[in-house]
Amino acid sequence: MSARIVADDAGGRAEAIAVLRQGGVVALPTDTVYGIAVALDVSGGIERLFQVKRRPPDRGIMLLLDAASQAGLIGVMGAGATALADACWPGGLTVVVPQRPDVPLPAALTGGTPTIGLRAPDHDAPRALAAAVGPLPTTSANVSGLPEARDAQEILAQLGDGVDLILDGGAARGGPPSTVVDCTGERPLVLRDGAIPTARLAAILDAAGVAHDLAAD
């Protein structure tokens, strides 16, 4: 059975929350591309995301958050990560931080590494879902190796019955991916250039008195 498509409105989000709580896979709009997500506490949910994308589980999956306040539930937010998150979220920044040792996460989520990528996107839909069910393991809504799906019909064409519900928010906004900053060490380091310029991140860290390895050009 193909995925149901519902509008990205209050009713659609309520349906999406119910599907996530029941262990289903939901496709949802974000501030860049569409993603597919599961609830973090669903047994086997992360593995299902890899199965739907048809890719080997060789890379970790990031978590989308409602707000910076959720980050500390999952990761160890040092001074650098906290300063960047407070200044840039919601928005195009992913921080990679150590996992909290007292919060067990599925090994498949992070590829067995002790770190986790966190982001609060600048879109109401994923934040509303994360507020209701907790941090959302999310990956792009496409079959591995194919272009990212730009709307509900493209998601349906690529992923079909691998997804239980598609939250239709119209055409994806597109644009550059999030900037990824490694905050696992003493000095934050950019892993991927993206939506937020490195110079802005460097200025935020400078103002917070955090030493870093970010070039300010």
C-alpha atoms as a PDB file:
ATOM      1  CA  MET A   1       0.000   0.000   0.000  1.00  0.00           C
ATOM      2  CA  SER A   2       1.340   3.418  -0.970  1.00  0.00           C
ATOM      3  CA  ALA A   3       1.863   6.106   1.608  1.00  0.00           C
ATOM      4  CA  ARG A   4      -1.026   8.369   2.513  1.00  0.00           C
ATOM      5  CA  ILE A   5      -0.513  12.037   1.656  1.00  0.00           C
ATOM      6  CA  VAL A   6      -1.924  14.622   4.067  1.00  0.00           C
ATOM      7  CA  ALA A   7      -1.603  18.390   4.160  1.00  0.00           C
ATOM      8  CA  ASP A   8       1.029  19.951   6.387  1.00  0.00           C
ATOM      9  CA  ASP A   9      -1.478  21.587   8.697  1.00  0.00           C
ATOM     10  CA  ALA A  10      -2.570  21.005  12.280  1.00  0.00           C
ATOM     11  CA  GLY A  11      -4.616  17.947  11.367  1.00  0.00           C
ATOM     12  CA  GLY A  12      -1.884  16.477   9.176  1.00  0.00           C
ATOM     13  CA  ARG A  13       0.738  16.978  11.853  1.00  0.00           C
ATOM     14  CA  ALA A  14      -1.510  15.281  14.413  1.00  0.00           C
ATOM     15  CA  GLU A  15      -1.777  12.293  12.063  1.00  0.00           C
ATOM     16  CA  ALA A  16       1.990  12.300  11.546  1.00  0.00           C
ATOM     17  CA  ILE A  17       2.594  12.317  15.305  1.00  0.00           C
ATOM     18  CA  ALA A  18       0.224   9.351  15.706  1.00  0.00           C
ATOM     19  CA  VAL A  19       2.004   7.406  12.943  1.00  0.00           C
ATOM     20  CA  LEU A  20       5.415   8.090  14.509  1.00  0.00           C
ATOM     21  CA  ARG A  21       4.184   6.956  17.925  1.00  0.00           C
ATOM     22  CA  GLN A  22       2.882   3.756  16.327  1.00  0.00           C
ATOM     23  CA  GLY A  23       6.317   3.010  14.854  1.00  0.00           C
ATOM     24  CA  GLY A  24       5.715   4.269  11.318  1.00  0.00           C
ATOM     25  CA  VAL A  25       7.906   6.202   8.891  1.00  0.00           C
ATOM     26  CA  VAL A  26       6.819   9.753   8.067  1.00  0.00           C
ATOM     27  CA  ALA A  27       8.064  11.962   5.221  1.00  0.00           C
ATOM     28  CA  LEU A  28       8.059  15.619   6.197  1.00  0.00           C
ATOM     29  CA  PRO A  29       9.156  18.993   4.845  1.00  0.00           C
ATOM     30  CA  THR A  30      12.132  20.778   6.379  1.00  0.00           C
ATOM     31  CA  ASP A  31      13.784  24.125   5.714  1.00  0.00           C
ATOM     32  CA  THR A  32      15.823  22.560   2.873  1.00  0.00           C
ATOM     33  CA  VAL A  33      14.683  19.193   1.502  1.00  0.00           C
ATOM     34  CA  TYR A  34      12.087  16.638   2.507  1.00  0.00           C
ATOM     35  CA  GLY A  35      13.152  14.076   5.077  1.00  0.00           C
ATOM     36  CA  ILE A  36      11.938  10.731   6.349  1.00  0.00           C
ATOM     37  CA  ALA A  37      11.763  10.228  10.089  1.00  0.00           C
ATOM     38  CA  VAL A  38      10.903   7.720  12.788  1.00  0.00           C
ATOM     39  CA  ALA A  39      10.439   8.038  16.528  1.00  0.00           C
ATOM     40  CA  LEU A  40      13.715   7.550  18.379  1.00  0.00           C
ATOM     41  CA  ASP A  41      12.283   5.023  20.829  1.00  0.00           C
ATOM     42  CA  VAL A  42      10.862   2.684  18.161  1.00  0.00           C
ATOM     43  CA  SER A  43      12.660  -0.658  18.104  1.00  0.00           C
ATOM     44  CA  GLY A  44      14.174  -1.212  14.660  1.00  0.00           C
ATOM     45  CA  GLY A  45      13.091   2.222  13.436  1.00  0.00           C
ATOM     46  CA  ILE A  46      16.572   3.397  12.444  1.00  0.00           C
ATOM     47  CA  GLU A  47      17.174   0.195  10.521  1.00  0.00           C
ATOM     48  CA  ARG A  48      13.914   0.766   8.669  1.00  0.00           C
ATOM     49  CA  LEU A  49      15.098   4.218   7.556  1.00  0.00           C
ATOM     50  CA  PHE A  50      18.183   2.623   6.000  1.00  0.00           C
ATOM     51  CA  GLN A  51      16.002  -0.024   4.382  1.00  0.00           C
ATOM     52  CA  VAL A  52      13.646   2.565   2.901  1.00  0.00           C
ATOM     53  CA  LYS A  53      16.612   4.511   1.468  1.00  0.00           C
ATOM     54  CA  ARG A  54      18.238   1.263   0.247  1.00  0.00           C
ATOM     55  CA  ARG A  55      21.646   2.174   1.560  1.00  0.00           C
ATOM     56  CA  PRO A  56      24.023   0.305   3.861  1.00  0.00           C
ATOM     57  CA  PRO A  57      24.124   1.598   7.446  1.00  0.00           C
ATOM     58  CA  ASP A  58      27.588   3.086   7.101  1.00  0.00           C
ATOM     59  CA  ARG A  59      26.740   6.631   8.152  1.00  0.00           C
ATOM     60  CA  GLY A  60      25.009   7.977  11.209  1.00  0.00           C
ATOM     61  CA  ILE A  61      21.605   9.668  11.093  1.00  0.00           C
ATOM     62  CA  MET A  62      21.143  13.112  12.591  1.00  0.00           C
ATOM     63  CA  LEU A  63      18.397  14.157  14.972  1.00  0.00           C
ATOM     64  CA  LEU A  64      16.043  17.055  14.287  1.00  0.00           C
ATOM     65  CA  LEU A  65      15.024  18.947  17.405  1.00  0.00           C
ATOM     66  CA  ASP A  66      12.224  21.226  18.483  1.00  0.00           C
ATOM     67  CA  ALA A  67      14.630  23.731  20.044  1.00  0.00           C
ATOM     68  CA  ALA A  68      18.058  24.074  21.617  1.00  0.00           C
ATOM     69  CA  SER A  69      16.539  22.989  24.924  1.00  0.00           C
ATOM     70  CA  GLN A  70      16.146  19.442  23.555  1.00  0.00           C
ATOM     71  CA  ALA A  71      19.833  19.097  22.685  1.00  0.00           C
ATOM     72  CA  GLY A  72      20.918  18.432  26.253  1.00  0.00           C
ATOM     73  CA  LEU A  73      18.550  15.460  26.441  1.00  0.00           C
ATOM     74  CA  ILE A  74      20.716  13.617  23.926  1.00  0.00           C
ATOM     75  CA  GLY A  75      24.163  15.197  23.695  1.00  0.00           C
ATOM     76  CA  VAL A  76      26.820  16.803  25.837  1.00  0.00           C
ATOM     77  CA  MET A  77      26.537  20.468  24.889  1.00  0.00           C
ATOM     78  CA  GLY A  78      29.807  22.197  25.685  1.00  0.00           C
ATOM     79  CA  ALA A  79      30.368  25.948  25.590  1.00  0.00           C
ATOM     80  CA  GLY A  80      30.978  26.045  21.838  1.00  0.00           C
ATOM     81  CA  ALA A  81      27.987  23.936  20.854  1.00  0.00           C
ATOM     82  CA  THR A  82      25.734  25.864  23.235  1.00  0.00           C
ATOM     83  CA  ALA A  83      26.811  29.254  21.913  1.00  0.00           C
ATOM     84  CA  LEU A  84      26.326  28.182  18.284  1.00  0.00           C
ATOM     85  CA  ALA A  85      22.960  26.542  18.925  1.00  0.00           C
ATOM     86  CA  ASP A  86      21.606  29.498  20.890  1.00  0.00           C
ATOM     87  CA  ALA A  87      22.630  31.902  18.110  1.00  0.00           C
ATOM     88  CA  CYS A  88      21.763  29.840  15.010  1.00  0.00           C
ATOM     89  CA  TRP A  89      18.763  27.683  15.886  1.00  0.00           C
ATOM     90  CA  PRO A  90      16.314  27.336  14.390  1.00  0.00           C
ATOM     91  CA  GLY A  91      18.395  27.377  11.231  1.00  0.00           C
ATOM     92  CA  GLY A  92      20.958  25.782   8.988  1.00  0.00           C
ATOM     93  CA  LEU A  93      23.461  24.547  11.570  1.00  0.00           C
ATOM     94  CA  THR A  94      24.214  20.982  12.619  1.00  0.00           C
ATOM     95  CA  VAL A  95      26.412  20.492  15.672  1.00  0.00           C
ATOM     96  CA  VAL A  96      28.175  17.195  16.245  1.00  0.00           C
ATOM     97  CA  VAL A  97      28.547  16.564  19.969  1.00  0.00           C
ATOM     98  CA  PRO A  98      29.372  13.640  22.270  1.00  0.00           C
ATOM     99  CA  GLN A  99      26.447  11.460  23.213  1.00  0.00           C
ATOM    100  CA  ARG A 100      25.330  11.638  26.801  1.00  0.00           C
ATOM    101  CA  PRO A 101      26.768   8.501  28.429  1.00  0.00           C
ATOM    102  CA  ASP A 102      23.628   8.008  30.515  1.00  0.00           C
ATOM    103  CA  VAL A 103      21.265   8.067  27.506  1.00  0.00           C
ATOM    104  CA  PRO A 104      21.477   4.849  25.481  1.00  0.00           C
ATOM    105  CA  LEU A 105      20.920   5.368  21.758  1.00  0.00           C
ATOM    106  CA  PRO A 106      20.523   2.713  19.055  1.00  0.00           C
ATOM    107  CA  ALA A 107      23.940   1.804  17.636  1.00  0.00           C
ATOM    108  CA  ALA A 108      22.505   2.083  14.122  1.00  0.00           C
ATOM    109  CA  LEU A 109      21.715   5.760  14.724  1.00  0.00           C
ATOM    110  CA  THR A 110      25.353   6.808  14.896  1.00  0.00           C
ATOM    111  CA  GLY A 111      27.144   4.019  13.076  1.00  0.00           C
ATOM    112  CA  GLY A 112      28.556   2.890  16.410  1.00  0.00           C
ATOM    113  CA  THR A 113      30.362   6.188  17.099  1.00  0.00           C
ATOM    114  CA  PRO A 114      29.992   7.988  20.462  1.00  0.00           C
ATOM    115  CA  THR A 115      28.872  11.242  18.804  1.00  0.00           C
ATOM    116  CA  ILE A 116      25.574  12.576  17.448  1.00  0.00           C
ATOM    117  CA  GLY A 117      24.525  15.280  14.979  1.00  0.00           C
ATOM    118  CA  LEU A 118      21.806  17.664  16.193  1.00  0.00           C
ATOM    119  CA  ARG A 119      19.838  20.417  14.443  1.00  0.00           C
ATOM    120  CA  ALA A 120      16.743  22.533  15.078  1.00  0.00           C
ATOM    121  CA  PRO A 121      15.467  23.329  11.563  1.00  0.00           C
ATOM    122  CA  ASP A 122      13.820  26.575  10.518  1.00  0.00           C
ATOM    123  CA  HIS A 123      10.514  24.890   9.676  1.00  0.00           C
ATOM    124  CA  ASP A 124       7.481  24.439  11.907  1.00  0.00           C
ATOM    125  CA  ALA A 125       6.646  20.865  10.809  1.00  0.00           C
ATOM    126  CA  PRO A 126       9.712  18.974  12.062  1.00  0.00           C
ATOM    127  CA  ARG A 127       9.860  21.109  15.186  1.00  0.00           C
ATOM    128  CA  ALA A 128       6.209  20.364  15.985  1.00  0.00           C
ATOM    129  CA  LEU A 129       6.768  16.635  15.529  1.00  0.00           C
ATOM    130  CA  ALA A 130       9.950  16.693  17.604  1.00  0.00           C
ATOM    131  CA  ALA A 131       8.168  18.618  20.357  1.00  0.00           C
ATOM    132  CA  ALA A 132       5.543  15.884  20.499  1.00  0.00           C
ATOM    133  CA  VAL A 133       7.598  12.687  20.193  1.00  0.00           C
ATOM    134  CA  GLY A 134      11.154  13.798  21.035  1.00  0.00           C
ATOM    135  CA  PRO A 135      14.260  14.267  18.881  1.00  0.00           C
ATOM    136  CA  LEU A 136      13.602  12.813  15.423  1.00  0.00           C
ATOM    137  CA  PRO A 137      16.076  10.573  13.563  1.00  0.00           C
ATOM    138  CA  THR A 138      15.793  12.037  10.064  1.00  0.00           C
ATOM    139  CA  THR A 139      17.453  11.467   6.707  1.00  0.00           C
ATOM    140  CA  SER A 140      16.706  12.839   3.252  1.00  0.00           C
ATOM    141  CA  ALA A 141      13.617  11.501   1.478  1.00  0.00           C
ATOM    142  CA  ASN A 142      15.163   9.704  -1.466  1.00  0.00           C
ATOM    143  CA  VAL A 143      16.578   6.369  -2.526  1.00  0.00           C
ATOM    144  CA  SER A 144      20.326   6.373  -2.003  1.00  0.00           C
ATOM    145  CA  GLY A 145      22.046   7.619  -5.159  1.00  0.00           C
ATOM    146  CA  LEU A 146      18.943   9.321  -6.591  1.00  0.00           C
ATOM    147  CA  PRO A 147      18.163  13.054  -6.440  1.00  0.00           C
ATOM    148  CA  GLU A 148      16.415  14.287  -3.315  1.00  0.00           C
ATOM    149  CA  ALA A 149      12.641  14.254  -3.745  1.00  0.00           C
ATOM    150  CA  ARG A 150      11.292  17.779  -4.174  1.00  0.00           C
ATOM    151  CA  ASP A 151       7.625  17.212  -3.320  1.00  0.00           C
ATOM    152  CA  ALA A 152       5.097  14.635  -2.150  1.00  0.00           C
ATOM    153  CA  GLN A 153       4.641  13.025  -5.549  1.00  0.00           C
ATOM    154  CA  GLU A 154       8.388  12.538  -6.017  1.00  0.00           C
ATOM    155  CA  ILE A 155       8.602  10.980  -2.550  1.00  0.00           C
ATOM    156  CA  LEU A 156       5.778   8.639  -3.482  1.00  0.00           C
ATOM    157  CA  ALA A 157       7.472   7.736  -6.775  1.00  0.00           C
ATOM    158  CA  GLN A 158      10.826   6.993  -5.129  1.00  0.00           C
ATOM    159  CA  LEU A 159       9.859   5.477  -1.808  1.00  0.00           C
ATOM    160  CA  GLY A 160       6.335   4.189  -2.382  1.00  0.00           C
ATOM    161  CA  ASP A 161       5.140   1.891   0.381  1.00  0.00           C
ATOM    162  CA  GLY A 162       8.372   2.312   2.332  1.00  0.00           C
ATOM    163  CA  VAL A 163       6.790   5.386   3.921  1.00  0.00           C
ATOM    164  CA  ASP A 164       3.545   5.269   5.889  1.00  0.00           C
ATOM    165  CA  LEU A 165       2.582   8.955   5.700  1.00  0.00           C
ATOM    166  CA  ILE A 166       3.719  11.972   3.671  1.00  0.00           C
ATOM    167  CA  LEU A 167       3.210  15.387   5.209  1.00  0.00           C
ATOM    168  CA  ASP A 168       2.700  17.541   2.118  1.00  0.00           C
ATOM    169  CA  GLY A 169       4.112  21.033   2.553  1.00  0.00           C
ATOM    170  CA  GLY A 170       4.424  21.831  -1.150  1.00  0.00           C
ATOM    171  CA  ALA A 171       7.665  22.095  -3.042  1.00  0.00           C
ATOM    172  CA  ALA A 172      10.841  21.786  -0.993  1.00  0.00           C
ATOM    173  CA  ARG A 173      12.556  25.107  -0.291  1.00  0.00           C
ATOM    174  CA  GLY A 174      15.931  23.822  -1.420  1.00  0.00           C
ATOM    175  CA  GLY A 175      19.039  25.876  -0.875  1.00  0.00           C
ATOM    176  CA  PRO A 176      22.363  24.921   0.683  1.00  0.00           C
ATOM    177  CA  PRO A 177      22.521  22.152   3.287  1.00  0.00           C
ATOM    178  CA  SER A 178      23.245  22.916   6.903  1.00  0.00           C
ATOM    179  CA  THR A 179      26.740  23.872   7.986  1.00  0.00           C
ATOM    180  CA  VAL A 180      28.159  21.038  10.106  1.00  0.00           C
ATOM    181  CA  VAL A 181      30.433  21.891  13.029  1.00  0.00           C
ATOM    182  CA  ASP A 182      32.289  19.290  15.059  1.00  0.00           C
ATOM    183  CA  CYS A 183      32.028  20.300  18.721  1.00  0.00           C
ATOM    184  CA  THR A 184      33.317  17.049  20.178  1.00  0.00           C
ATOM    185  CA  GLY A 185      36.786  18.403  20.952  1.00  0.00           C
ATOM    186  CA  GLU A 186      38.090  21.455  22.740  1.00  0.00           C
ATOM    187  CA  ARG A 187      38.097  23.574  19.561  1.00  0.00           C
ATOM    188  CA  PRO A 188      35.056  23.538  17.219  1.00  0.00           C
ATOM    189  CA  LEU A 189      35.859  22.680  13.599  1.00  0.00           C
ATOM    190  CA  VAL A 190      33.748  22.982  10.422  1.00  0.00           C
ATOM    191  CA  LEU A 191      33.132  19.595   8.808  1.00  0.00           C
ATOM    192  CA  ARG A 192      30.892  20.851   5.984  1.00  0.00           C
ATOM    193  CA  ASP A 193      30.358  24.340   4.599  1.00  0.00           C
ATOM    194  CA  GLY A 194      26.699  25.181   4.204  1.00  0.00           C
ATOM    195  CA  ALA A 195      23.902  27.612   4.927  1.00  0.00           C
ATOM    196  CA  ILE A 196      25.599  29.567   7.710  1.00  0.00           C
ATOM    197  CA  PRO A 197      28.892  31.267   6.767  1.00  0.00           C
ATOM    198  CA  THR A 198      31.961  30.224   8.712  1.00  0.00           C
ATOM    199  CA  ALA A 199      32.711  33.878   9.476  1.00  0.00           C
ATOM    200  CA  ARG A 200      29.423  34.200  11.375  1.00  0.00           C
ATOM    201  CA  LEU A 201      30.145  31.063  13.379  1.00  0.00           C
ATOM    202  CA  ALA A 202      33.645  32.287  14.183  1.00  0.00           C
ATOM    203  CA  ALA A 203      32.229  35.605  15.411  1.00  0.00           C
ATOM    204  CA  ILE A 204      29.732  33.799  17.657  1.00  0.00           C
ATOM    205  CA  LEU A 205      32.472  31.682  19.203  1.00  0.00           C
ATOM    206  CA  ASP A 206      34.765  34.692  19.606  1.00  0.00           C
ATOM    207  CA  ALA A 207      32.023  36.586  21.427  1.00  0.00           C
ATOM    208  CA  ALA A 208      31.490  33.581  23.716  1.00  0.00           C
ATOM    209  CA  GLY A 209      35.204  33.328  24.441  1.00  0.00           C
ATOM    210  CA  VAL A 210      35.491  29.872  22.885  1.00  0.00           C
ATOM    211  CA  ALA A 211      38.714  28.985  21.096  1.00  0.00           C
ATOM    212  CA  HIS A 212      38.105  27.403  17.700  1.00  0.00           C
ATOM    213  CA  ASP A 213      39.609  26.269  14.419  1.00  0.00           C
ATOM    214  CA  LEU A 214      37.175  28.139  12.183  1.00  0.00           C
ATOM    215  CA  ALA A 215      38.663  30.456   9.583  1.00  0.00           C
ATOM    216  CA  ALA A 216      36.884  33.799   9.654  1.00  0.00           C
ATOM    217  CA  ASP A 217      37.118  34.503   5.928  1.00  0.00           C
END
